[in-house]
Amino acid sequence: MKIWVDADACPVVIKEILFRAAERTRIELLLVANRSVRIPSSPFIQFIRVPAGLDVADNEIVKRLSAGDLVITSDIPLAAEVVEKGGHALNPRGELYTEENIQDRLSMRDFMDTLRASGVDTGGPSALSRSDRNYFANQLDKFLTGYTGNR
């Protein structure tokens, strides 16, 4: 298993949690972005730079993803592709996207896009709180503990 990160939009604090997890578990962590991302020197952490463009990083992740890999993303269409390909997707707030919930999330995203396109101010997501960070770290740990327990 590998951990892939949609790194362009991933908050720094979440990346730091992921860096520590990769070192602790010795699981390969790959950050994919179209601009430079600072990473620590580690045999378990890599940065993959892709050209700028709509969904280029997402497409690279999907192309390289293997069933069972974990992807960290807040991009719901990317999460849907990951789940469809047999991977796991976890957002920076700790929500695991699954076959059971991804269609509902896509429908809600599309509905909100329609509202925004018609001029309705839907606001954006709230800032990542300390409890969000803790929840993400706990969910990541729970996921990785289940994985490493099966190795």
Protein backbone atom coordinates (compact mmCIF):
# COMPACT_ATOMS: atom_id res chain seq x y z
CA MET A 1 0.00 0.00 0.00
CA LYS A 2 1.01 3.57 -0.72
CA ILE A 3 -0.42 6.86 0.50
CA TRP A 4 -1.06 9.42 -2.24
CA VAL A 5 -1.67 13.09 -1.46
CA ASP A 6 -3.48 15.56 -3.68
CA ALA A 7 -0.93 18.06 -2.40
CA ASP A 8 -1.94 21.28 -4.17
CA ALA A 9 -4.85 21.86 -1.79
CA CYS A 10 -3.77 19.79 1.21
CA PRO A 11 -3.27 21.91 4.33
CA VAL A 12 0.29 22.06 5.68
CA VAL A 13 -0.77 20.74 9.09
CA ILE A 14 -2.26 17.65 7.42
CA LYS A 15 0.94 17.11 5.42
CA GLU A 16 2.92 17.24 8.67
CA ILE A 17 0.68 14.56 10.20
CA LEU A 18 1.22 12.46 7.06
CA PHE A 19 5.01 12.93 7.19
CA ARG A 20 5.10 11.62 10.76
CA ALA A 21 2.80 8.70 9.87
CA ALA A 22 4.98 7.69 6.89
CA GLU A 23 8.09 7.66 9.07
CA ARG A 24 6.37 5.76 11.88
CA THR A 25 4.76 3.11 9.67
CA ARG A 26 7.40 3.03 6.92
CA ILE A 27 4.64 3.30 4.32
CA GLU A 28 5.52 5.15 1.12
CA LEU A 29 3.97 8.64 0.96
CA LEU A 30 3.74 10.34 -2.44
CA LEU A 31 2.71 13.99 -2.73
CA VAL A 32 1.50 15.03 -6.18
CA ALA A 33 1.21 18.72 -7.11
CA ASN A 34 1.82 21.18 -9.91
CA ARG A 35 3.93 23.45 -7.74
CA SER A 36 6.81 22.72 -5.39
CA VAL A 37 5.96 21.19 -2.05
CA ARG A 38 8.47 21.14 0.77
CA ILE A 39 9.01 17.62 2.10
CA PRO A 40 11.38 16.24 4.71
CA SER A 41 14.31 14.10 3.67
CA SER A 42 13.08 10.54 4.04
CA PRO A 43 13.28 7.29 2.11
CA PHE A 44 9.50 6.98 2.64
CA ILE A 45 8.43 10.39 1.28
CA GLN A 46 8.48 11.52 -2.36
CA PHE A 47 7.24 14.53 -4.28
CA ILE A 48 5.93 14.16 -7.83
CA ARG A 49 5.59 17.40 -9.75
CA VAL A 50 3.11 17.49 -12.61
CA PRO A 51 2.46 20.21 -15.19
CA ALA A 52 -0.08 22.90 -14.36
CA GLY A 53 -3.58 22.30 -15.61
CA LEU A 54 -7.05 21.26 -14.60
CA ASP A 55 -7.05 17.84 -12.92
CA VAL A 56 -3.47 17.00 -13.98
CA ALA A 57 -2.46 15.99 -10.44
CA ASP A 58 -5.72 14.07 -9.97
CA ASN A 59 -5.21 12.18 -13.23
CA GLU A 60 -1.63 11.31 -12.26
CA ILE A 61 -2.79 9.89 -8.93
CA VAL A 62 -5.52 7.81 -10.57
CA LYS A 63 -3.09 6.56 -13.23
CA ARG A 64 -0.53 5.37 -10.66
CA LEU A 65 -2.95 4.21 -7.96
CA SER A 66 -3.20 0.53 -7.08
CA ALA A 67 -6.17 -1.12 -5.41
CA GLY A 68 -5.80 -0.79 -1.66
CA ASP A 69 -3.81 2.47 -1.79
CA LEU A 70 -4.96 5.42 0.30
CA VAL A 71 -5.50 8.87 -1.24
CA ILE A 72 -5.73 12.04 0.84
CA THR A 73 -7.96 14.54 -0.96
CA SER A 74 -10.79 16.96 -0.47
CA ASP A 75 -11.65 16.62 -4.19
CA ILE A 76 -14.83 14.53 -4.28
CA PRO A 77 -14.64 13.59 -8.00
CA LEU A 78 -11.07 12.36 -7.41
CA ALA A 79 -12.26 10.42 -4.36
CA ALA A 80 -14.97 8.80 -6.51
CA GLU A 81 -12.39 7.67 -9.07
CA VAL A 82 -10.17 6.31 -6.29
CA VAL A 83 -13.03 4.32 -4.75
CA GLU A 84 -14.06 3.05 -8.19
CA LYS A 85 -10.51 1.81 -8.77
CA GLY A 86 -10.45 -0.08 -5.44
CA GLY A 87 -8.54 2.49 -3.43
CA HIS A 88 -9.46 4.34 -0.26
CA ALA A 89 -9.97 8.10 -0.01
CA LEU A 90 -9.74 10.15 3.18
CA ASN A 91 -10.36 13.89 3.27
CA PRO A 92 -8.32 16.32 5.42
CA ARG A 93 -11.16 16.44 7.96
CA GLY A 94 -11.00 12.67 8.46
CA GLU A 95 -14.01 11.55 6.42
CA LEU A 96 -13.42 8.25 4.66
CA TYR A 97 -15.12 8.08 1.27
CA THR A 98 -16.55 4.64 0.55
CA GLU A 99 -18.70 2.90 -2.05
CA GLU A 100 -21.61 3.48 0.34
CA ASN A 101 -21.25 7.28 0.66
CA ILE A 102 -19.41 8.58 -2.41
CA GLN A 103 -22.49 8.94 -4.64
CA ASP A 104 -24.26 11.04 -1.98
CA ARG A 105 -21.17 13.26 -1.66
CA LEU A 106 -20.97 13.68 -5.45
CA SER A 107 -24.66 14.58 -5.65
CA MET A 108 -24.31 17.19 -2.89
CA ARG A 109 -21.21 18.64 -4.56
CA ASP A 110 -23.02 18.90 -7.89
CA PHE A 111 -26.03 20.52 -6.21
CA MET A 112 -23.81 23.12 -4.51
CA ASP A 113 -22.04 23.81 -7.84
CA THR A 114 -25.44 24.42 -9.45
CA LEU A 115 -26.39 26.85 -6.68
CA ARG A 116 -23.10 28.74 -7.04
CA ALA A 117 -23.49 28.88 -10.82
CA SER A 118 -26.92 30.46 -10.37
CA GLY A 119 -25.46 33.17 -8.16
CA VAL A 120 -26.23 31.80 -4.70
CA ASP A 121 -23.44 32.45 -2.21
CA THR A 122 -23.01 29.08 -0.53
CA GLY A 123 -19.90 30.07 1.39
CA GLY A 124 -16.97 27.76 1.61
CA PRO A 125 -15.85 25.17 4.07
CA SER A 126 -14.94 26.40 7.53
CA ALA A 127 -11.29 26.70 8.47
CA LEU A 128 -9.65 23.48 9.59
CA SER A 129 -10.01 23.40 13.37
CA ARG A 130 -7.90 21.66 15.98
CA SER A 131 -10.65 19.05 16.38
CA ASP A 132 -10.66 18.51 12.58
CA ARG A 133 -6.90 17.93 12.65
CA ASN A 134 -7.21 15.55 15.58
CA TYR A 135 -10.05 13.67 13.91
CA PHE A 136 -8.00 13.33 10.71
CA ALA A 137 -4.98 12.06 12.66
CA ASN A 138 -7.15 9.54 14.53
CA GLN A 139 -8.85 8.30 11.37
CA LEU A 140 -5.50 8.01 9.57
CA ASP A 141 -4.04 6.10 12.51
CA LYS A 142 -7.06 3.81 12.63
CA PHE A 143 -6.76 3.11 8.90
CA LEU A 144 -3.00 2.52 9.03
CA THR A 145 -3.25 0.34 12.13
CA GLY A 146 -5.70 -1.88 10.28
CA TYR A 147 -3.36 -2.02 7.29
CA THR A 148 -0.14 -2.66 9.21
CA GLY A 149 -1.90 -5.28 11.32
CA ASN A 150 -2.61 -7.23 8.11
CA ARG A 151 0.94 -7.18 6.74
